[in-house]
Protein backbone atom coordinates (compact mmCIF):
# COMPACT_ATOMS: atom_id res chain seq x y z
CA MET A 1 -0.27 -0.04 -0.06
CA ASN A 2 1.59 3.22 -1.13
CA LEU A 3 0.69 6.19 1.41
CA LEU A 4 2.95 8.20 -0.30
CA ILE A 5 0.04 9.08 -2.47
CA ASP A 6 -1.66 10.82 0.35
CA LYS A 7 0.24 13.88 -0.09
CA SER A 8 -2.24 16.14 1.98
CA ASN A 9 -2.48 13.51 5.05
CA MET A 10 -6.26 12.42 4.97
CA TYR A 11 -4.79 9.19 6.87
CA GLN A 12 -4.26 11.74 10.04
CA ALA A 13 -7.12 13.85 9.37
CA ILE A 14 -9.27 10.43 10.03
CA ILE A 15 -7.27 9.26 12.81
CA ASP A 16 -7.93 12.37 14.26
CA PHE A 17 -11.50 12.15 14.19
CA PRO A 18 -11.68 11.38 18.39
CA LYS A 19 -9.60 14.45 18.99
CA GLN A 20 -12.07 16.47 16.92
CA ILE A 21 -15.02 15.70 19.36
CA LYS A 22 -12.81 16.63 22.30
CA TYR A 23 -12.12 19.94 20.93
CA SER A 24 -15.68 20.65 20.88
CA LEU A 25 -16.42 19.44 24.35
CA GLU A 26 -13.66 21.49 25.65
CA TYR A 27 -14.96 24.57 23.76
CA PHE A 28 -18.24 24.31 25.20
CA ASN A 29 -16.91 23.64 28.65
CA ALA A 30 -15.70 27.19 28.40
CA ASN A 31 -19.22 27.95 28.56
CA TYR A 32 -19.96 29.05 25.13
CA ILE A 33 -23.50 29.46 26.30
CA THR A 34 -24.34 31.20 29.32
CA ASN A 35 -27.64 31.30 31.02
CA ASN A 36 -28.03 34.93 29.75
CA ASP A 37 -27.74 33.23 26.47
CA LEU A 38 -30.77 30.76 27.24
CA GLU A 39 -33.33 33.57 27.71
CA LYS A 40 -32.51 34.66 24.05
CA TYR A 41 -33.43 31.44 23.00
CA LYS A 42 -36.50 30.64 24.99
CA ASN A 43 -39.35 31.23 22.27
CA ILE A 44 -37.36 28.99 19.44
CA ASN A 45 -39.99 26.39 17.99
CA LYS A 46 -38.21 24.96 14.94
CA ILE A 47 -34.95 24.90 13.50
CA LEU A 48 -33.12 25.22 10.05
CA ILE A 49 -29.53 24.17 9.45
CA LEU A 50 -27.85 25.76 6.38
CA GLY A 51 -25.13 23.74 4.68
CA MET A 52 -23.65 22.06 1.49
CA GLY A 53 -21.53 19.23 0.89
CA GLY A 54 -19.49 18.09 4.05
CA SER A 55 -21.16 20.90 6.14
CA ALA A 56 -24.56 19.55 5.34
CA ILE A 57 -23.59 16.17 6.36
CA SER A 58 -23.69 17.36 10.43
CA GLY A 59 -27.16 19.13 9.98
CA LEU A 60 -28.72 15.94 7.90
CA LEU A 61 -27.51 13.41 11.07
CA ILE A 62 -28.61 15.94 13.92
CA LYS A 63 -32.15 16.06 12.08
CA GLU A 64 -32.70 12.73 12.60
CA ILE A 65 -31.26 12.48 16.22
CA LEU A 66 -33.74 15.40 16.84
CA ASN A 67 -36.59 13.81 15.05
CA MET A 68 -35.87 11.33 17.79
CA GLU A 69 -35.08 13.21 20.88
CA SER A 70 -36.91 16.52 20.19
CA CYS A 71 -40.37 17.90 20.22
CA VAL A 72 -39.08 20.99 17.90
CA PRO A 73 -39.19 20.08 14.14
CA THR A 74 -35.81 20.50 12.39
CA PHE A 75 -35.09 21.12 8.60
CA VAL A 76 -31.78 21.03 6.50
CA ASN A 77 -31.43 23.93 3.63
CA GLN A 78 -28.96 22.56 0.88
CA ASN A 79 -30.02 25.49 -1.18
CA TYR A 80 -30.17 29.52 -2.22
CA PHE A 81 -33.71 29.72 -0.98
CA ILE A 82 -35.36 29.47 2.36
CA PRO A 83 -38.67 28.11 3.48
CA LYS A 84 -41.21 30.68 3.76
CA TRP A 85 -42.06 29.71 7.57
CA VAL A 86 -38.67 31.23 8.65
CA ASP A 87 -39.44 33.88 11.49
CA LYS A 88 -38.07 35.53 14.86
CA ASN A 89 -38.78 32.21 16.37
CA THR A 90 -36.51 30.23 14.12
CA LEU A 91 -33.50 29.12 15.34
CA VAL A 92 -30.94 29.31 12.12
CA ILE A 93 -27.35 27.29 12.10
CA ALA A 94 -25.55 28.62 9.08
CA SER A 95 -22.72 25.46 8.99
CA SER A 96 -19.78 26.63 6.11
CA TYR A 97 -16.28 25.10 6.99
CA SER A 98 -14.75 27.85 5.05
CA GLY A 99 -17.47 30.44 5.44
CA ASN A 100 -17.57 31.37 1.70
CA THR A 101 -20.27 28.72 0.62
CA GLU A 102 -22.01 30.97 -1.72
CA GLU A 103 -25.51 29.12 -1.12
CA THR A 104 -25.27 29.17 2.57
CA LEU A 105 -24.32 32.75 2.42
CA THR A 106 -27.28 33.95 0.10
CA ALA A 107 -29.62 31.60 2.24
CA CYS A 108 -28.14 33.23 5.60
CA ASN A 109 -29.06 36.93 4.39
CA LYS A 110 -32.73 35.63 3.73
CA CYS A 111 -32.64 34.36 7.34
CA ILE A 112 -31.27 37.83 8.31
CA ASN A 113 -33.96 39.68 6.57
CA LYS A 114 -36.65 37.37 8.21
CA ASN A 115 -35.32 38.56 12.00
CA ALA A 116 -34.24 34.56 12.73
CA GLU A 117 -31.83 33.98 15.34
CA ILE A 118 -28.90 32.64 13.87
CA ILE A 119 -25.39 31.05 14.58
CA GLY A 120 -22.66 30.65 12.37
CA VAL A 121 -20.74 27.32 12.42
CA SER A 122 -17.32 27.93 10.33
CA THR A 123 -13.80 28.83 10.36
CA GLY A 124 -14.13 32.11 9.61
CA GLY A 125 -14.56 33.78 5.81
CA SER A 126 -17.83 36.20 4.83
CA LEU A 127 -20.11 34.16 6.99
CA ILE A 128 -18.18 35.31 10.11
CA GLU A 129 -18.41 38.88 8.69
CA LEU A 130 -21.93 38.71 7.58
CA LEU A 131 -23.00 37.95 11.19
CA GLY A 132 -20.57 40.66 12.27
CA ASN A 133 -17.87 38.68 14.00
CA LYS A 134 -20.39 37.48 16.93
CA ASN A 135 -22.99 34.57 17.15
CA TYR A 136 -20.90 32.04 15.94
CA ILE A 137 -18.95 28.79 16.50
CA LYS A 138 -15.24 28.76 15.77
CA LEU A 139 -13.53 25.87 13.99
CA PRO A 140 -9.99 24.94 13.44
CA LYS A 141 -8.89 25.55 9.82
CA GLY A 142 -6.84 23.96 7.42
CA MET A 143 -9.11 20.87 6.46
CA GLN A 144 -11.22 19.78 3.85
CA PRO A 145 -14.94 20.38 5.03
CA ARG A 146 -15.96 16.36 4.80
CA ALA A 147 -12.59 15.80 6.75
CA ALA A 148 -13.94 18.36 9.68
CA LEU A 149 -17.22 16.39 10.73
CA GLY A 150 -16.06 15.68 13.89
CA TYR A 151 -15.89 19.18 14.62
CA SER A 152 -19.22 20.39 13.07
CA PHE A 153 -21.46 17.47 14.00
CA SER A 154 -20.42 17.38 18.09
CA ALA A 155 -20.21 21.42 17.92
CA ILE A 156 -23.59 21.52 16.35
CA LEU A 157 -24.94 18.79 19.16
CA LEU A 158 -23.53 20.65 21.62
CA LEU A 159 -24.94 23.85 20.90
CA LEU A 160 -28.34 22.59 20.87
CA TYR A 161 -28.25 20.54 24.31
CA ARG A 162 -26.94 23.75 25.89
CA LEU A 163 -29.56 25.51 24.26
CA LYS A 164 -32.01 22.81 25.87
CA LEU A 165 -33.28 22.32 22.40
CA ILE A 166 -32.48 18.63 23.33
CA ASP A 167 -32.97 16.37 26.53
CA ARG A 168 -30.34 13.83 26.69
CA ASP A 169 -26.97 14.31 28.23
CA ILE A 170 -25.21 14.71 24.95
CA TYR A 171 -22.24 16.19 26.77
CA SER A 172 -21.45 12.66 28.80
CA GLU A 173 -22.40 10.72 25.73
CA LEU A 174 -19.81 12.15 23.59
CA SER A 175 -17.52 12.31 26.30
CA GLN A 176 -17.54 8.33 26.55
CA CYS A 177 -17.26 8.13 22.54
CA ILE A 178 -13.80 9.53 22.72
CA PRO A 179 -11.68 6.14 24.17
CA TYR A 180 -14.08 3.94 22.46
CA LEU A 181 -13.48 5.91 18.70
CA THR A 182 -9.99 6.46 19.63
CA ASN A 183 -9.33 2.75 19.78
CA LYS A 184 -11.73 2.10 16.49
CA THR A 185 -9.53 4.39 14.58
CA GLN A 186 -6.63 2.49 15.58
CA VAL A 187 -8.14 -0.80 14.29
CA TYR A 188 -9.21 0.40 10.82
CA SER A 189 -5.91 2.15 10.36
CA ASP A 190 -4.39 -1.15 10.67
CA LYS A 191 -2.45 -2.55 7.82
CA ASP A 192 -3.43 -6.16 8.75
CA ASN A 193 -5.46 -8.34 6.34
CA SER A 194 -7.94 -8.72 9.11
CA ASN A 195 -8.72 -5.36 8.80
CA GLU A 196 -12.60 -5.31 7.97
CA ALA A 197 -12.48 -1.51 6.28
CA LEU A 198 -9.36 -2.84 4.05
CA LEU A 199 -11.15 -6.11 3.07
CA ILE A 200 -13.89 -4.07 2.06
CA ALA A 201 -12.19 -1.69 -0.06
CA SER A 202 -9.97 -4.32 -1.81
CA LYS A 203 -13.67 -5.83 -2.87
CA ILE A 204 -15.16 -2.52 -4.21
CA SER A 205 -12.24 -0.10 -5.18
CA LYS A 206 -13.04 -1.29 -8.66
CA LYS A 207 -16.81 -1.50 -8.73
CA THR A 208 -20.00 0.84 -8.57
CA PRO A 209 -21.62 0.47 -5.00
CA ILE A 210 -25.28 0.73 -4.03
CA ILE A 211 -25.84 1.36 -0.57
CA TYR A 212 -28.87 0.20 1.12
CA ALA A 213 -29.69 1.44 4.86
CA GLN A 214 -32.79 1.46 6.80
CA GLU A 215 -34.80 5.10 6.64
CA GLY A 216 -33.60 7.79 8.99
CA ILE A 217 -30.25 8.08 10.33
CA PHE A 218 -28.97 5.05 8.78
CA ASN A 219 -29.80 6.15 5.51
CA ILE A 220 -28.11 9.59 6.18
CA LEU A 221 -24.89 7.23 7.28
CA GLY A 222 -25.24 5.66 3.52
CA TYR A 223 -25.32 8.91 1.76
CA ARG A 224 -22.13 9.96 3.82
CA PHE A 225 -20.70 6.96 2.80
CA LYS A 226 -21.59 7.40 -0.72
CA CYS A 227 -20.11 11.05 -0.78
CA GLN A 228 -17.10 10.05 1.05
CA LEU A 229 -16.56 7.12 -1.97
CA ALA A 230 -16.91 10.26 -4.58
CA GLU A 231 -14.76 13.18 -3.26
CA ASN A 232 -11.77 10.61 -1.33
CA SER A 233 -12.13 7.63 -4.01
CA LYS A 234 -13.55 9.20 -7.16
CA ILE A 235 -15.89 6.06 -6.94
CA LEU A 236 -19.09 6.77 -8.78
CA ALA A 237 -21.55 5.39 -5.85
CA PHE A 238 -25.44 5.40 -5.09
CA ASN A 239 -27.44 5.16 -1.93
CA ASN A 240 -31.10 4.33 -0.88
CA MET A 241 -33.26 3.30 1.98
CA ILE A 242 -35.66 0.63 2.79
CA PRO A 243 -38.02 0.12 3.24
CA GLU A 244 -38.87 2.55 0.34
CA MET A 245 -36.59 0.43 -2.00
CA ASN A 246 -38.86 -2.62 -1.70
CA HIS A 247 -41.57 -0.79 -3.48
CA ASN A 248 -39.89 -0.05 -6.93
CA GLU A 249 -36.02 -0.02 -7.13
CA ILE A 250 -35.70 -3.70 -6.57
CA GLU A 251 -37.50 -4.04 -9.78
CA ALA A 252 -34.54 -2.77 -11.47
CA PHE A 253 -32.14 -5.57 -11.05
CA TYR A 254 -34.15 -7.20 -14.15
CA SER A 255 -32.37 -10.57 -15.12
CA ASN A 256 -32.37 -9.39 -18.50
CA ASN A 257 -29.54 -6.45 -17.32
CA SER A 258 -26.07 -7.20 -16.76
CA PHE A 259 -24.56 -6.16 -13.10
CA ASP A 260 -21.07 -7.43 -13.18
CA GLU A 261 -19.43 -3.80 -12.36
CA TYR A 262 -21.79 -2.97 -9.62
CA CYS A 263 -21.72 -3.88 -5.90
CA LEU A 264 -24.51 -4.03 -3.08
CA ILE A 265 -23.79 -2.66 0.14
CA TRP A 266 -26.26 -3.61 2.67
CA ILE A 267 -25.95 -1.45 6.07
CA GLU A 268 -27.49 -3.33 8.70
CA ASP A 269 -27.78 -2.96 12.40
CA ASN A 270 -29.43 -4.69 15.15
CA SER A 271 -31.65 -1.36 16.16
CA TYR A 272 -33.65 -1.81 12.93
CA HIS A 273 -37.27 -2.22 13.14
CA LYS A 274 -37.55 -6.31 13.02
CA ARG A 275 -39.56 -5.98 9.91
CA ASN A 276 -36.65 -4.40 8.25
CA ILE A 277 -34.36 -6.85 9.13
CA GLU A 278 -36.37 -9.13 7.49
CA ARG A 279 -36.49 -6.82 4.76
CA PHE A 280 -32.45 -6.96 4.17
CA LYS A 281 -32.60 -10.47 4.29
CA VAL A 282 -35.27 -11.57 1.50
CA SER A 283 -34.14 -8.20 -0.68
CA SER A 284 -30.20 -9.89 -0.66
CA GLU A 285 -31.63 -13.06 -1.23
CA ILE A 286 -34.54 -12.02 -4.27
CA LEU A 287 -31.14 -10.09 -5.72
CA LYS A 288 -28.54 -12.60 -5.73
CA THR A 289 -29.35 -14.43 -8.83
CA ASN A 290 -28.59 -11.04 -10.68
CA ILE A 291 -25.97 -9.51 -8.78
CA LYS A 292 -23.39 -11.55 -6.95
CA ASN A 293 -21.32 -8.91 -5.80
CA GLN A 294 -23.02 -8.26 -2.27
CA ILE A 295 -21.47 -7.00 1.37
CA SER A 296 -23.35 -6.78 4.72
CA ILE A 297 -21.95 -4.18 6.98
CA ASN A 298 -23.21 -4.63 10.83
CA LEU A 299 -21.15 -3.68 13.82
CA ASP A 300 -20.72 -5.78 16.85
CA GLY A 301 -22.97 -3.41 19.09
CA ASN A 302 -20.55 -2.95 21.57
CA SER A 303 -20.34 0.88 21.28
CA PRO A 304 -21.21 2.42 24.87
CA ASN A 305 -24.51 4.63 23.46
CA SER A 306 -26.10 5.22 20.16
CA LEU A 307 -24.64 8.17 19.40
CA CYS A 308 -21.19 6.29 19.71
CA ASN A 309 -22.49 3.71 17.32
CA TYR A 310 -23.60 6.24 14.63
CA LEU A 311 -19.82 7.77 14.89
CA GLU A 312 -18.06 4.13 14.25
CA TYR A 313 -20.27 3.70 11.17
CA ILE A 314 -18.59 6.84 9.76
CA ILE A 315 -15.15 6.31 10.98
CA LEU A 316 -15.48 2.89 9.04
CA PHE A 317 -16.69 4.28 5.81
CA ASP A 318 -14.19 7.08 5.84
CA TRP A 319 -11.11 4.49 6.48
CA ILE A 320 -13.52 2.22 3.39
CA SER A 321 -13.10 5.41 1.04
CA PHE A 322 -9.35 6.22 2.19
CA TYR A 323 -8.25 2.52 1.31
CA CYS A 324 -10.55 2.87 -1.90
CA ALA A 325 -8.56 6.14 -3.42
CA ILE A 326 -5.08 4.26 -2.13
CA ASN A 327 -6.00 1.18 -4.13
CA ASN A 328 -6.64 3.17 -7.21
CA GLY A 329 -3.60 5.58 -7.00
CA ILE A 330 -5.70 8.33 -6.22
CA ASP A 331 -4.87 11.17 -3.36
CA PRO A 332 -8.02 11.18 -1.44
CA THR A 333 -7.90 15.08 -0.56
CA ILE A 334 -7.93 16.42 -3.82
CA ILE A 335 -11.01 17.92 -5.43
CA PRO A 336 -10.28 18.90 -9.19
CA ASN A 337 -13.76 19.03 -10.36
CA ILE A 338 -15.33 20.82 -7.41
CA ASN A 339 -12.66 23.19 -7.56
CA LYS A 340 -12.84 23.97 -11.29
CA LEU A 341 -16.61 24.22 -10.95
CA LYS A 342 -16.12 26.93 -7.88
CA SER A 343 -13.64 29.02 -10.19
CA SER A 344 -15.87 28.60 -13.04
CA LEU A 345 -18.69 30.03 -11.27
């Protein structure tokens, strides 16, 4: 394995994922939100998270967590436009790692005009200038946005916890995750042949993966996996969710079609609805006739809490995408097409 290809050290960025969570815990331990601040947000009745690309993933994950844990509806905005219902009782979290994402800046301006309560999550840039150098969470610089997920995800989650918009003790849960995830990053970074991330990467590096997971937060984890394969590995991949896939897409695997270039990846978990667990088994069996390349991913369930379980999937998928890039002789950090698009615009 030629790690010299990894010129910008994406390897270290993935290793440091637990340290990013530790940074956020220390940041909020320094009283980012005080009791006086809480008064300002007491009438919040909905949340809108602005973000694109790597910065949007945090919002999508948090939306699903809040759907399960909070009575306050949460929405993610990946566009120039904002919903008509945004008002003074809306908490807007504008997430842009660079602070210069044009869709996020445009939407944020619209939210300002609606008198919404806005908090930025960024390293700086035009977003912080727009917010008047206040009401923002400062992230460390020098990374690709997708590699800073540990920072943005934990920071936004802790923010909502401090604002009493989520009841679970997120601070304690994230603290528990650090030693567990630190061990897991070491396991998945091991060059040993028994490393699950290496084994899966060896099977999909030359394939087109189609990723399936249960609807909800696991579908977002599958989406993150797809995005990492696209940006890190330069592999075209697709994702969809069960049970919806059983009502349409399953018919696309028709016997007259050829599927040799594809690989099905089933993200499974013991927490799934019992009927969906059965749907995964039956769907895989039905499709074996036409597509033999199939991989099931199911973690051992030994994580200290559900939040840690989700984060371990992210770490595993990040390592798989990293190894796919190395296997294909690609620097996992470079994004030439995205850069070309931005400069052209």
